Amino acid sequence: RALVEQSLRGSVEKQAIVDDAMIDRYWELLRFPGNREATVLRAR
């Protein structure tokens, strides 16, 4: 989760928008079945 938070904060200028709910949403949906594999395939 800490890596997801760090990535989010590195993407935005207005840090105040990054709250716990936003971090949880990105973190949990990234781990939705198939999404991490898709991330790796897209990177290639």
PDB file of all heavy atoms in Angstrom:
ATOM      1  N   ARG A   1       0.839  -1.204   0.000  1.00  0.00           N
ATOM      2  CA  ARG A   1       0.000   0.000   0.000  1.00  0.00           C
ATOM      3  C   ARG A   1       0.874   1.253   0.000  1.00  0.00           C
ATOM      4  O   ARG A   1       0.560   2.258  -0.642  1.00  0.00           O
ATOM      5  CB  ARG A   1      -0.921  -0.004   1.219  1.00  0.00           C
ATOM      6  CG  ARG A   1      -1.907   1.157   1.269  1.00  0.00           C
ATOM      7  CD  ARG A   1      -2.779   1.048   2.520  1.00  0.00           C
ATOM      8  NE  ARG A   1      -3.807   2.073   2.566  1.00  0.00           N
ATOM      9  CZ  ARG A   1      -3.635   3.323   3.024  1.00  0.00           C
ATOM     10  NH1 ARG A   1      -2.413   3.694   3.451  1.00  0.00           N
ATOM     11  NH2 ARG A   1      -4.621   4.188   3.034  1.00  0.00           N
ATOM     12  N   ALA A   2       1.999   1.207   0.734  1.00  0.00           N
ATOM     13  CA  ALA A   2       2.887   2.368   0.814  1.00  0.00           C
ATOM     14  C   ALA A   2       3.459   2.727  -0.553  1.00  0.00           C
ATOM     15  O   ALA A   2       3.661   3.909  -0.868  1.00  0.00           O
ATOM     16  CB  ALA A   2       4.019   2.097   1.803  1.00  0.00           C
ATOM     17  N   LEU A   3       3.711   1.718  -1.392  1.00  0.00           N
ATOM     18  CA  LEU A   3       4.226   1.982  -2.736  1.00  0.00           C
ATOM     19  C   LEU A   3       3.169   2.662  -3.595  1.00  0.00           C
ATOM     20  O   LEU A   3       3.470   3.578  -4.374  1.00  0.00           O
ATOM     21  CB  LEU A   3       4.666   0.672  -3.385  1.00  0.00           C
ATOM     22  CG  LEU A   3       5.206   0.778  -4.816  1.00  0.00           C
ATOM     23  CD1 LEU A   3       6.488   1.599  -4.854  1.00  0.00           C
ATOM     24  CD2 LEU A   3       5.452  -0.616  -5.389  1.00  0.00           C
ATOM     25  N   VAL A   4       1.918   2.237  -3.456  1.00  0.00           N
ATOM     26  CA  VAL A   4       0.819   2.862  -4.197  1.00  0.00           C
ATOM     27  C   VAL A   4       0.673   4.316  -3.763  1.00  0.00           C
ATOM     28  O   VAL A   4       0.505   5.217  -4.594  1.00  0.00           O
ATOM     29  CB  VAL A   4      -0.486   2.085  -3.978  1.00  0.00           C
ATOM     30  CG1 VAL A   4      -1.669   2.825  -4.587  1.00  0.00           C
ATOM     31  CG2 VAL A   4      -0.380   0.687  -4.578  1.00  0.00           C
ATOM     32  N   GLU A   5       0.753   4.560  -2.461  1.00  0.00           N
ATOM     33  CA  GLU A   5       0.652   5.940  -1.971  1.00  0.00           C
ATOM     34  C   GLU A   5       1.791   6.798  -2.530  1.00  0.00           C
ATOM     35  O   GLU A   5       1.567   7.933  -2.981  1.00  0.00           O
ATOM     36  CB  GLU A   5       0.691   5.976  -0.445  1.00  0.00           C
ATOM     37  CG  GLU A   5       0.660   7.394   0.106  1.00  0.00           C
ATOM     38  CD  GLU A   5       0.640   7.464   1.628  1.00  0.00           C
ATOM     39  OE1 GLU A   5       0.712   6.402   2.276  1.00  0.00           O
ATOM     40  OE2 GLU A   5       0.546   8.593   2.171  1.00  0.00           O
ATOM     41  N   GLN A   6       3.003   6.251  -2.496  1.00  0.00           N
ATOM     42  CA  GLN A   6       4.151   7.011  -3.002  1.00  0.00           C
ATOM     43  C   GLN A   6       3.986   7.335  -4.478  1.00  0.00           C
ATOM     44  O   GLN A   6       4.307   8.444  -4.929  1.00  0.00           O
ATOM     45  CB  GLN A   6       5.433   6.217  -2.754  1.00  0.00           C
ATOM     46  CG  GLN A   6       6.708   7.000  -3.037  1.00  0.00           C
ATOM     47  CD  GLN A   6       7.959   6.220  -2.673  1.00  0.00           C
ATOM     48  OE1 GLN A   6       7.896   5.124  -2.120  1.00  0.00           O
ATOM     49  NE2 GLN A   6       9.115   6.759  -3.015  1.00  0.00           N
ATOM     50  N   SER A   7       3.478   6.367  -5.252  1.00  0.00           N
ATOM     51  CA  SER A   7       3.268   6.602  -6.681  1.00  0.00           C
ATOM     52  C   SER A   7       2.210   7.667  -6.927  1.00  0.00           C
ATOM     53  O   SER A   7       2.356   8.519  -7.808  1.00  0.00           O
ATOM     54  CB  SER A   7       2.862   5.294  -7.366  1.00  0.00           C
ATOM     55  OG  SER A   7       3.918   4.365  -7.351  1.00  0.00           O
ATOM     56  N   LEU A   8       1.131   7.617  -6.151  1.00  0.00           N
ATOM     57  CA  LEU A   8       0.083   8.627  -6.282  1.00  0.00           C
ATOM     58  C   LEU A   8       0.624  10.018  -5.974  1.00  0.00           C
ATOM     59  O   LEU A   8       0.370  10.975  -6.705  1.00  0.00           O
ATOM     60  CB  LEU A   8      -1.073   8.308  -5.338  1.00  0.00           C
ATOM     61  CG  LEU A   8      -2.195   7.428  -5.867  1.00  0.00           C
ATOM     62  CD1 LEU A   8      -3.176   7.096  -4.748  1.00  0.00           C
ATOM     63  CD2 LEU A   8      -2.917   8.097  -7.013  1.00  0.00           C
ATOM     64  N   ARG A   9       1.352  10.112  -4.872  1.00  0.00           N
ATOM     65  CA  ARG A   9       1.882  11.423  -4.479  1.00  0.00           C
ATOM     66  C   ARG A   9       2.905  11.932  -5.486  1.00  0.00           C
ATOM     67  O   ARG A   9       3.072  13.145  -5.656  1.00  0.00           O
ATOM     68  CB  ARG A   9       2.479  11.346  -3.077  1.00  0.00           C
ATOM     69  CG  ARG A   9       1.436  11.087  -1.992  1.00  0.00           C
ATOM     70  CD  ARG A   9       1.961  11.334  -0.590  1.00  0.00           C
ATOM     71  NE  ARG A   9       0.944  11.085   0.410  1.00  0.00           N
ATOM     72  CZ  ARG A   9      -0.040  11.933   0.715  1.00  0.00           C
ATOM     73  NH1 ARG A   9      -0.120  13.100   0.092  1.00  0.00           N
ATOM     74  NH2 ARG A   9      -0.931  11.632   1.639  1.00  0.00           N
ATOM     75  N   GLY A  10       3.574  11.020  -6.180  1.00  0.00           N
ATOM     76  CA  GLY A  10       4.513  11.443  -7.214  1.00  0.00           C
ATOM     77  C   GLY A  10       3.846  11.861  -8.501  1.00  0.00           C
ATOM     78  O   GLY A  10       4.501  12.386  -9.397  1.00  0.00           O
ATOM     79  N   SER A  11       2.524  11.646  -8.597  1.00  0.00           N
ATOM     80  CA  SER A  11       1.790  11.969  -9.821  1.00  0.00           C
ATOM     81  C   SER A  11       1.061  13.297  -9.742  1.00  0.00           C
ATOM     82  O   SER A  11       0.658  13.834 -10.777  1.00  0.00           O
ATOM     83  CB  SER A  11       0.765  10.864 -10.127  1.00  0.00           C
ATOM     84  OG  SER A  11       1.402   9.617 -10.296  1.00  0.00           O
ATOM     85  N   VAL A  12       0.850  13.807  -8.533  1.00  0.00           N
ATOM     86  CA  VAL A  12       0.036  15.009  -8.380  1.00  0.00           C
ATOM     87  C   VAL A  12       0.837  16.123  -7.738  1.00  0.00           C
ATOM     88  O   VAL A  12       1.806  15.884  -7.009  1.00  0.00           O
ATOM     89  CB  VAL A  12      -1.234  14.721  -7.543  1.00  0.00           C
ATOM     90  CG1 VAL A  12      -2.077  13.646  -8.202  1.00  0.00           C
ATOM     91  CG2 VAL A  12      -0.897  14.343  -6.110  1.00  0.00           C
ATOM     92  N   GLU A  13       0.428  17.341  -8.003  1.00  0.00           N
ATOM     93  CA  GLU A  13       1.028  18.508  -7.369  1.00  0.00           C
ATOM     94  C   GLU A  13       0.275  18.864  -6.093  1.00  0.00           C
ATOM     95  O   GLU A  13       0.877  19.217  -5.076  1.00  0.00           O
ATOM     96  CB  GLU A  13       1.026  19.685  -8.341  1.00  0.00           C
ATOM     97  CG  GLU A  13       1.688  20.948  -7.806  1.00  0.00           C
ATOM     98  CD  GLU A  13       3.197  20.816  -7.634  1.00  0.00           C
ATOM     99  OE1 GLU A  13       3.788  19.841  -8.161  1.00  0.00           O
ATOM    100  OE2 GLU A  13       3.794  21.684  -6.966  1.00  0.00           O
ATOM    101  N   LYS A  14      -1.041  18.736  -6.122  1.00  0.00           N
ATOM    102  CA  LYS A  14      -1.864  19.055  -4.953  1.00  0.00           C
ATOM    103  C   LYS A  14      -1.970  17.825  -4.056  1.00  0.00           C
ATOM    104  O   LYS A  14      -2.834  16.966  -4.240  1.00  0.00           O
ATOM    105  CB  LYS A  14      -3.255  19.536  -5.391  1.00  0.00           C
ATOM    106  CG  LYS A  14      -3.233  20.930  -5.984  1.00  0.00           C
ATOM    107  CD  LYS A  14      -4.632  21.516  -6.045  1.00  0.00           C
ATOM    108  CE  LYS A  14      -4.599  22.982  -6.441  1.00  0.00           C
ATOM    109  NZ  LYS A  14      -5.959  23.587  -6.454  1.00  0.00           N
ATOM    110  N   GLN A  15      -1.091  17.746  -3.084  1.00  0.00           N
ATOM    111  CA  GLN A  15      -1.012  16.566  -2.232  1.00  0.00           C
ATOM    112  C   GLN A  15      -2.262  16.360  -1.374  1.00  0.00           C
ATOM    113  O   GLN A  15      -2.561  15.232  -0.963  1.00  0.00           O
ATOM    114  CB  GLN A  15       0.213  16.664  -1.324  1.00  0.00           C
ATOM    115  CG  GLN A  15       1.532  16.663  -2.080  1.00  0.00           C
ATOM    116  CD  GLN A  15       1.797  15.342  -2.785  1.00  0.00           C
ATOM    117  OE1 GLN A  15       1.754  14.291  -2.165  1.00  0.00           O
ATOM    118  NE2 GLN A  15       2.065  15.402  -4.083  1.00  0.00           N
ATOM    119  N   ALA A  16      -3.006  17.400  -1.137  1.00  0.00           N
ATOM    120  CA  ALA A  16      -4.175  17.293  -0.259  1.00  0.00           C
ATOM    121  C   ALA A  16      -5.249  16.366  -0.820  1.00  0.00           C
ATOM    122  O   ALA A  16      -6.071  15.847  -0.064  1.00  0.00           O
ATOM    123  CB  ALA A  16      -4.769  18.684  -0.005  1.00  0.00           C
ATOM    124  N   ILE A  17      -5.235  16.123  -2.124  1.00  0.00           N
ATOM    125  CA  ILE A  17      -6.286  15.250  -2.688  1.00  0.00           C
ATOM    126  C   ILE A  17      -6.017  13.781  -2.391  1.00  0.00           C
ATOM    127  O   ILE A  17      -6.915  12.944  -2.520  1.00  0.00           O
ATOM    128  CB  ILE A  17      -6.451  15.444  -4.201  1.00  0.00           C
ATOM    129  CG1 ILE A  17      -5.268  14.842  -4.969  1.00  0.00           C
ATOM    130  CG2 ILE A  17      -6.648  16.910  -4.565  1.00  0.00           C
ATOM    131  CD1 ILE A  17      -5.517  14.646  -6.435  1.00  0.00           C
ATOM    132  N   VAL A  18      -4.784  13.454  -2.003  1.00  0.00           N
ATOM    133  CA  VAL A  18      -4.427  12.052  -1.747  1.00  0.00           C
ATOM    134  C   VAL A  18      -4.779  11.723  -0.298  1.00  0.00           C
ATOM    135  O   VAL A  18      -4.025  12.012   0.626  1.00  0.00           O
ATOM    136  CB  VAL A  18      -2.931  11.794  -2.015  1.00  0.00           C
ATOM    137  CG1 VAL A  18      -2.592  10.331  -1.771  1.00  0.00           C
ATOM    138  CG2 VAL A  18      -2.563  12.202  -3.425  1.00  0.00           C
ATOM    139  N   ASP A  19      -5.944  11.119  -0.092  1.00  0.00           N
ATOM    140  CA  ASP A  19      -6.366  10.723   1.250  1.00  0.00           C
ATOM    141  C   ASP A  19      -6.415   9.203   1.350  1.00  0.00           C
ATOM    142  O   ASP A  19      -6.133   8.489   0.389  1.00  0.00           O
ATOM    143  CB  ASP A  19      -7.723  11.343   1.601  1.00  0.00           C
ATOM    144  CG  ASP A  19      -8.823  10.969   0.619  1.00  0.00           C
ATOM    145  OD1 ASP A  19      -8.628  10.028  -0.186  1.00  0.00           O
ATOM    146  OD2 ASP A  19      -9.887  11.620   0.644  1.00  0.00           O
ATOM    147  N   ASP A  20      -6.771   8.694   2.523  1.00  0.00           N
ATOM    148  CA  ASP A  20      -6.776   7.250   2.740  1.00  0.00           C
ATOM    149  C   ASP A  20      -7.736   6.529   1.797  1.00  0.00           C
ATOM    150  O   ASP A  20      -7.424   5.436   1.296  1.00  0.00           O
ATOM    151  CB  ASP A  20      -7.143   6.934   4.189  1.00  0.00           C
ATOM    152  CG  ASP A  20      -6.002   7.228   5.159  1.00  0.00           C
ATOM    153  OD1 ASP A  20      -4.845   7.314   4.705  1.00  0.00           O
ATOM    154  OD2 ASP A  20      -6.261   7.379   6.361  1.00  0.00           O
ATOM    155  N   ALA A  21      -8.891   7.123   1.553  1.00  0.00           N
ATOM    156  CA  ALA A  21      -9.876   6.477   0.678  1.00  0.00           C
ATOM    157  C   ALA A  21      -9.340   6.347  -0.739  1.00  0.00           C
ATOM    158  O   ALA A  21      -9.533   5.317  -1.411  1.00  0.00           O
ATOM    159  CB  ALA A  21     -11.182   7.262   0.682  1.00  0.00           C
ATOM    160  N   MET A  22      -8.641   7.375  -1.222  1.00  0.00           N
ATOM    161  CA  MET A  22      -8.081   7.341  -2.569  1.00  0.00           C
ATOM    162  C   MET A  22      -6.978   6.288  -2.661  1.00  0.00           C
ATOM    163  O   MET A  22      -6.932   5.503  -3.627  1.00  0.00           O
ATOM    164  CB  MET A  22      -7.522   8.723  -2.925  1.00  0.00           C
ATOM    165  CG  MET A  22      -6.981   8.841  -4.344  1.00  0.00           C
ATOM    166  SD  MET A  22      -6.326  10.514  -4.623  1.00  0.00           S
ATOM    167  CE  MET A  22      -5.968  10.468  -6.374  1.00  0.00           C
ATOM    168  N   ILE A  23      -6.109   6.242  -1.659  1.00  0.00           N
ATOM    169  CA  ILE A  23      -5.029   5.252  -1.659  1.00  0.00           C
ATOM    170  C   ILE A  23      -5.601   3.839  -1.637  1.00  0.00           C
ATOM    171  O   ILE A  23      -5.175   2.953  -2.390  1.00  0.00           O
ATOM    172  CB  ILE A  23      -4.095   5.483  -0.453  1.00  0.00           C
ATOM    173  CG1 ILE A  23      -3.433   6.859  -0.547  1.00  0.00           C
ATOM    174  CG2 ILE A  23      -3.032   4.385  -0.389  1.00  0.00           C
ATOM    175  CD1 ILE A  23      -2.768   7.300   0.746  1.00  0.00           C
ATOM    176  N   ASP A  24      -6.577   3.614  -0.773  1.00  0.00           N
ATOM    177  CA  ASP A  24      -7.190   2.282  -0.681  1.00  0.00           C
ATOM    178  C   ASP A  24      -7.819   1.874  -2.009  1.00  0.00           C
ATOM    179  O   ASP A  24      -7.709   0.716  -2.434  1.00  0.00           O
ATOM    180  CB  ASP A  24      -8.262   2.261   0.416  1.00  0.00           C
ATOM    181  CG  ASP A  24      -7.669   2.193   1.816  1.00  0.00           C
ATOM    182  OD1 ASP A  24      -6.479   1.836   1.946  1.00  0.00           O
ATOM    183  OD2 ASP A  24      -8.390   2.500   2.782  1.00  0.00           O
ATOM    184  N   ARG A  25      -8.494   2.818  -2.670  1.00  0.00           N
ATOM    185  CA  ARG A  25      -9.160   2.496  -3.939  1.00  0.00           C
ATOM    186  C   ARG A  25      -8.137   2.083  -4.988  1.00  0.00           C
ATOM    187  O   ARG A  25      -8.298   1.055  -5.658  1.00  0.00           O
ATOM    188  CB  ARG A  25      -9.966   3.702  -4.425  1.00  0.00           C
ATOM    189  CG  ARG A  25     -10.778   3.397  -5.679  1.00  0.00           C
ATOM    190  CD  ARG A  25     -11.567   4.612  -6.135  1.00  0.00           C
ATOM    191  NE  ARG A  25     -10.748   5.591  -6.799  1.00  0.00           N
ATOM    192  CZ  ARG A  25     -10.601   6.848  -6.411  1.00  0.00           C
ATOM    193  NH1 ARG A  25     -11.209   7.288  -5.320  1.00  0.00           N
ATOM    194  NH2 ARG A  25      -9.840   7.683  -7.094  1.00  0.00           N
ATOM    195  N   TYR A  26      -7.069   2.852  -5.144  1.00  0.00           N
ATOM    196  CA  TYR A  26      -6.042   2.497  -6.119  1.00  0.00           C
ATOM    197  C   TYR A  26      -5.391   1.162  -5.755  1.00  0.00           C
ATOM    198  O   TYR A  26      -5.145   0.326  -6.631  1.00  0.00           O
ATOM    199  CB  TYR A  26      -4.973   3.595  -6.186  1.00  0.00           C
ATOM    200  CG  TYR A  26      -5.273   4.699  -7.163  1.00  0.00           C
ATOM    201  CD1 TYR A  26      -6.119   5.755  -6.825  1.00  0.00           C
ATOM    202  CD2 TYR A  26      -4.696   4.716  -8.436  1.00  0.00           C
ATOM    203  CE1 TYR A  26      -6.388   6.782  -7.721  1.00  0.00           C
ATOM    204  CE2 TYR A  26      -4.952   5.730  -9.340  1.00  0.00           C
ATOM    205  CZ  TYR A  26      -5.805   6.764  -8.976  1.00  0.00           C
ATOM    206  OH  TYR A  26      -6.068   7.772  -9.863  1.00  0.00           O
ATOM    207  N   TRP A  27      -5.093   0.976  -4.480  1.00  0.00           N
ATOM    208  CA  TRP A  27      -4.407  -0.231  -4.028  1.00  0.00           C
ATOM    209  C   TRP A  27      -5.269  -1.476  -4.214  1.00  0.00           C
ATOM    210  O   TRP A  27      -4.810  -2.494  -4.731  1.00  0.00           O
ATOM    211  CB  TRP A  27      -4.022  -0.063  -2.558  1.00  0.00           C
ATOM    212  CG  TRP A  27      -3.245  -1.201  -1.966  1.00  0.00           C
ATOM    213  CD1 TRP A  27      -2.146  -1.813  -2.495  1.00  0.00           C
ATOM    214  CD2 TRP A  27      -3.508  -1.854  -0.723  1.00  0.00           C
ATOM    215  NE1 TRP A  27      -1.703  -2.806  -1.657  1.00  0.00           N
ATOM    216  CE2 TRP A  27      -2.511  -2.853  -0.557  1.00  0.00           C
ATOM    217  CE3 TRP A  27      -4.468  -1.681   0.267  1.00  0.00           C
ATOM    218  CZ2 TRP A  27      -2.470  -3.687   0.564  1.00  0.00           C
ATOM    219  CZ3 TRP A  27      -4.419  -2.503   1.385  1.00  0.00           C
ATOM    220  CH2 TRP A  27      -3.443  -3.492   1.525  1.00  0.00           C
ATOM    221  N   GLU A  28      -6.523  -1.385  -3.826  1.00  0.00           N
ATOM    222  CA  GLU A  28      -7.400  -2.549  -3.906  1.00  0.00           C
ATOM    223  C   GLU A  28      -7.790  -2.881  -5.343  1.00  0.00           C
ATOM    224  O   GLU A  28      -7.850  -4.054  -5.729  1.00  0.00           O
ATOM    225  CB  GLU A  28      -8.644  -2.325  -3.044  1.00  0.00           C
ATOM    226  CG  GLU A  28      -8.327  -2.308  -1.556  1.00  0.00           C
ATOM    227  CD  GLU A  28      -9.526  -1.986  -0.681  1.00  0.00           C
ATOM    228  OE1 GLU A  28     -10.510  -1.405  -1.183  1.00  0.00           O
ATOM    229  OE2 GLU A  28      -9.472  -2.307   0.520  1.00  0.00           O
ATOM    230  N   LEU A  29      -8.031  -1.862  -6.157  1.00  0.00           N
ATOM    231  CA  LEU A  29      -8.405  -2.130  -7.551  1.00  0.00           C
ATOM    232  C   LEU A  29      -7.209  -2.568  -8.394  1.00  0.00           C
ATOM    233  O   LEU A  29      -7.375  -3.319  -9.358  1.00  0.00           O
ATOM    234  CB  LEU A  29      -9.080  -0.904  -8.165  1.00  0.00           C
ATOM    235  CG  LEU A  29     -10.470  -0.577  -7.597  1.00  0.00           C
ATOM    236  CD1 LEU A  29     -11.060   0.649  -8.287  1.00  0.00           C
ATOM    237  CD2 LEU A  29     -11.418  -1.765  -7.732  1.00  0.00           C
ATOM    238  N   LEU A  30      -6.018  -2.141  -8.032  1.00  0.00           N
ATOM    239  CA  LEU A  30      -4.834  -2.640  -8.725  1.00  0.00           C
ATOM    240  C   LEU A  30      -4.702  -4.145  -8.519  1.00  0.00           C
ATOM    241  O   LEU A  30      -4.215  -4.864  -9.401  1.00  0.00           O
ATOM    242  CB  LEU A  30      -3.579  -1.924  -8.210  1.00  0.00           C
ATOM    243  CG  LEU A  30      -2.242  -2.359  -8.803  1.00  0.00           C
ATOM    244  CD1 LEU A  30      -2.227  -2.203 -10.315  1.00  0.00           C
ATOM    245  CD2 LEU A  30      -1.097  -1.569  -8.180  1.00  0.00           C
ATOM    246  N   ARG A  31      -5.188  -4.627  -7.377  1.00  0.00           N
ATOM    247  CA  ARG A  31      -5.100  -6.051  -7.052  1.00  0.00           C
ATOM    248  C   ARG A  31      -6.379  -6.812  -7.420  1.00  0.00           C
ATOM    249  O   ARG A  31      -6.525  -7.990  -7.074  1.00  0.00           O
ATOM    250  CB  ARG A  31      -4.798  -6.204  -5.558  1.00  0.00           C
ATOM    251  CG  ARG A  31      -3.395  -5.747  -5.209  1.00  0.00           C
ATOM    252  CD  ARG A  31      -3.219  -5.409  -3.726  1.00  0.00           C
ATOM    253  NE  ARG A  31      -3.789  -6.444  -2.878  1.00  0.00           N
ATOM    254  CZ  ARG A  31      -4.573  -6.193  -1.816  1.00  0.00           C
ATOM    255  NH1 ARG A  31      -4.866  -4.935  -1.491  1.00  0.00           N
ATOM    256  NH2 ARG A  31      -5.045  -7.180  -1.096  1.00  0.00           N
ATOM    257  N   PHE A  32      -7.295  -6.172  -8.129  1.00  0.00           N
ATOM    258  CA  PHE A  32      -8.472  -6.861  -8.651  1.00  0.00           C
ATOM    259  C   PHE A  32      -7.978  -7.932  -9.629  1.00  0.00           C
ATOM    260  O   PHE A  32      -7.016  -7.706 -10.367  1.00  0.00           O
ATOM    261  CB  PHE A  32      -9.380  -5.858  -9.364  1.00  0.00           C
ATOM    262  CG  PHE A  32     -10.737  -6.400  -9.750  1.00  0.00           C
ATOM    263  CD1 PHE A  32     -11.775  -6.439  -8.836  1.00  0.00           C
ATOM    264  CD2 PHE A  32     -10.972  -6.861 -11.036  1.00  0.00           C
ATOM    265  CE1 PHE A  32     -13.028  -6.923  -9.191  1.00  0.00           C
ATOM    266  CE2 PHE A  32     -12.214  -7.354 -11.402  1.00  0.00           C
ATOM    267  CZ  PHE A  32     -13.247  -7.386 -10.469  1.00  0.00           C
ATOM    268  N   PRO A  33      -8.606  -9.109  -9.655  1.00  0.00           N
ATOM    269  CA  PRO A  33      -8.096 -10.204 -10.482  1.00  0.00           C
ATOM    270  C   PRO A  33      -7.784  -9.809 -11.926  1.00  0.00           C
ATOM    271  O   PRO A  33      -8.630  -9.293 -12.640  1.00  0.00           O
ATOM    272  CB  PRO A  33      -9.227 -11.236 -10.417  1.00  0.00           C
ATOM    273  CG  PRO A  33      -9.846 -11.015  -9.075  1.00  0.00           C
ATOM    274  CD  PRO A  33      -9.789  -9.524  -8.868  1.00  0.00           C
ATOM    275  N   GLY A  34      -6.539 -10.046 -12.314  1.00  0.00           N
ATOM    276  CA  GLY A  34      -6.093  -9.783 -13.680  1.00  0.00           C
ATOM    277  C   GLY A  34      -5.434  -8.441 -13.882  1.00  0.00           C
ATOM    278  O   GLY A  34      -4.729  -8.248 -14.884  1.00  0.00           O
ATOM    279  N   ASN A  35      -5.619  -7.495 -12.954  1.00  0.00           N
ATOM    280  CA  ASN A  35      -5.123  -6.143 -13.203  1.00  0.00           C
ATOM    281  C   ASN A  35      -3.610  -6.028 -13.090  1.00  0.00           C
ATOM    282  O   ASN A  35      -2.982  -5.288 -13.851  1.00  0.00           O
ATOM    283  CB  ASN A  35      -5.804  -5.146 -12.258  1.00  0.00           C
ATOM    284  CG  ASN A  35      -7.221  -4.837 -12.675  1.00  0.00           C
ATOM    285  OD1 ASN A  35      -7.663  -5.235 -13.753  1.00  0.00           O
ATOM    286  ND2 ASN A  35      -7.968  -4.138 -11.831  1.00  0.00           N
ATOM    287  N   ARG A  36      -3.006  -6.755 -12.159  1.00  0.00           N
ATOM    288  CA  ARG A  36      -1.550  -6.662 -12.043  1.00  0.00           C
ATOM    289  C   ARG A  36      -0.857  -7.330 -13.233  1.00  0.00           C
ATOM    290  O   ARG A  36       0.143  -6.810 -13.750  1.00  0.00           O
ATOM    291  CB  ARG A  36      -1.083  -7.264 -10.710  1.00  0.00           C
ATOM    292  CG  ARG A  36      -1.394  -6.370  -9.516  1.00  0.00           C
ATOM    293  CD  ARG A  36      -0.788  -6.879  -8.237  1.00  0.00           C
ATOM    294  NE  ARG A  36      -1.443  -8.095  -7.765  1.00  0.00           N
ATOM    295  CZ  ARG A  36      -1.125  -8.709  -6.624  1.00  0.00           C
ATOM    296  NH1 ARG A  36      -0.148  -8.227  -5.863  1.00  0.00           N
ATOM    297  NH2 ARG A  36      -1.767  -9.797  -6.244  1.00  0.00           N
ATOM    298  N   GLU A  37      -1.393  -8.442 -13.668  1.00  0.00           N
ATOM    299  CA  GLU A  37      -0.840  -9.072 -14.868  1.00  0.00           C
ATOM    300  C   GLU A  37      -0.970  -8.134 -16.065  1.00  0.00           C
ATOM    301  O   GLU A  37      -0.040  -7.993 -16.870  1.00  0.00           O
ATOM    302  CB  GLU A  37      -1.560 -10.389 -15.161  1.00  0.00           C
ATOM    303  CG  GLU A  37      -1.042 -11.081 -16.419  1.00  0.00           C
ATOM    304  CD  GLU A  37      -1.925 -12.220 -16.882  1.00  0.00           C
ATOM    305  OE1 GLU A  37      -3.140 -12.206 -16.598  1.00  0.00           O
ATOM    306  OE2 GLU A  37      -1.401 -13.126 -17.559  1.00  0.00           O
ATOM    307  N   ALA A  38      -2.122  -7.472 -16.188  1.00  0.00           N
ATOM    308  CA  ALA A  38      -2.327  -6.534 -17.294  1.00  0.00           C
ATOM    309  C   ALA A  38      -1.344  -5.379 -17.231  1.00  0.00           C
ATOM    310  O   ALA A  38      -0.840  -4.916 -18.267  1.00  0.00           O
ATOM    311  CB  ALA A  38      -3.768  -6.006 -17.258  1.00  0.00           C
ATOM    312  N   THR A  39      -1.040  -4.905 -16.031  1.00  0.00           N
ATOM    313  CA  THR A  39      -0.081  -3.814 -15.863  1.00  0.00           C
ATOM    314  C   THR A  39       1.279  -4.205 -16.422  1.00  0.00           C
ATOM    315  O   THR A  39       1.934  -3.433 -17.127  1.00  0.00           O
ATOM    316  CB  THR A  39       0.046  -3.444 -14.378  1.00  0.00           C
ATOM    317  OG1 THR A  39      -1.207  -2.953 -13.900  1.00  0.00           O
ATOM    318  CG2 THR A  39       1.103  -2.376 -14.160  1.00  0.00           C
ATOM    319  N   VAL A  40       1.700  -5.429 -16.119  1.00  0.00           N
ATOM    320  CA  VAL A  40       2.992  -5.912 -16.605  1.00  0.00           C
ATOM    321  C   VAL A  40       2.972  -6.094 -18.124  1.00  0.00           C
ATOM    322  O   VAL A  40       3.921  -5.725 -18.819  1.00  0.00           O
ATOM    323  CB  VAL A  40       3.353  -7.232 -15.896  1.00  0.00           C
ATOM    324  CG1 VAL A  40       4.556  -7.888 -16.561  1.00  0.00           C
ATOM    325  CG2 VAL A  40       3.651  -6.976 -14.423  1.00  0.00           C
ATOM    326  N   LEU A  41       1.901  -6.635 -18.647  1.00  0.00           N
ATOM    327  CA  LEU A  41       1.806  -6.816 -20.096  1.00  0.00           C
ATOM    328  C   LEU A  41       1.817  -5.469 -20.821  1.00  0.00           C
ATOM    329  O   LEU A  41       2.433  -5.333 -21.882  1.00  0.00           O
ATOM    330  CB  LEU A  41       0.540  -7.606 -20.440  1.00  0.00           C
ATOM    331  CG  LEU A  41       0.529  -9.072 -19.995  1.00  0.00           C
ATOM    332  CD1 LEU A  41      -0.819  -9.715 -20.280  1.00  0.00           C
ATOM    333  CD2 LEU A  41       1.649  -9.849 -20.674  1.00  0.00           C
ATOM    334  N   ARG A  42       1.144  -4.462 -20.268  1.00  0.00           N
ATOM    335  CA  ARG A  42       1.137  -3.134 -20.894  1.00  0.00           C
ATOM    336  C   ARG A  42       2.528  -2.523 -20.887  1.00  0.00           C
ATOM    337  O   ARG A  42       2.911  -1.817 -21.828  1.00  0.00           O
ATOM    338  CB  ARG A  42       0.163  -2.183 -20.173  1.00  0.00           C
ATOM    339  CG  ARG A  42      -1.282  -2.439 -20.431  1.00  0.00           C
ATOM    340  CD  ARG A  42      -2.134  -1.233 -20.063  1.00  0.00           C
ATOM    341  NE  ARG A  42      -1.736  -0.593 -18.830  1.00  0.00           N
ATOM    342  CZ  ARG A  42      -2.089  -0.976 -17.622  1.00  0.00           C
ATOM    343  NH1 ARG A  42      -2.856  -2.034 -17.465  1.00  0.00           N
ATOM    344  NH2 ARG A  42      -1.676  -0.323 -16.554  1.00  0.00           N
ATOM    345  N   ALA A  43       3.275  -2.774 -19.820  1.00  0.00           N
ATOM    346  CA  ALA A  43       4.618  -2.198 -19.719  1.00  0.00           C
ATOM    347  C   ALA A  43       5.538  -2.733 -20.809  1.00  0.00           C
ATOM    348  O   ALA A  43       6.542  -2.103 -21.145  1.00  0.00           O
ATOM    349  CB  ALA A  43       5.208  -2.490 -18.339  1.00  0.00           C
ATOM    350  N   ARG A  44       5.214  -3.888 -21.363  1.00  0.00           N
ATOM    351  CA  ARG A  44       6.045  -4.499 -22.402  1.00  0.00           C
ATOM    352  C   ARG A  44       5.520  -4.223 -23.809  1.00  0.00           C
ATOM    353  O   ARG A  44       6.126  -4.652 -24.790  1.00  0.00           O
ATOM    354  CB  ARG A  44       6.119  -6.005 -22.162  1.00  0.00           C
ATOM    355  CG  ARG A  44       6.743  -6.370 -20.826  1.00  0.00           C
ATOM    356  CD  ARG A  44       6.541  -7.847 -20.499  1.00  0.00           C
ATOM    357  NE  ARG A  44       7.130  -8.713 -21.530  1.00  0.00           N
ATOM    358  CZ  ARG A  44       6.988 -10.035 -21.531  1.00  0.00           C
ATOM    359  NH1 ARG A  44       6.272 -10.622 -20.601  1.00  0.00           N
ATOM    360  NH2 ARG A  44       7.546 -10.751 -22.476  1.00  0.00           N
TER     361      ARG A  44
END
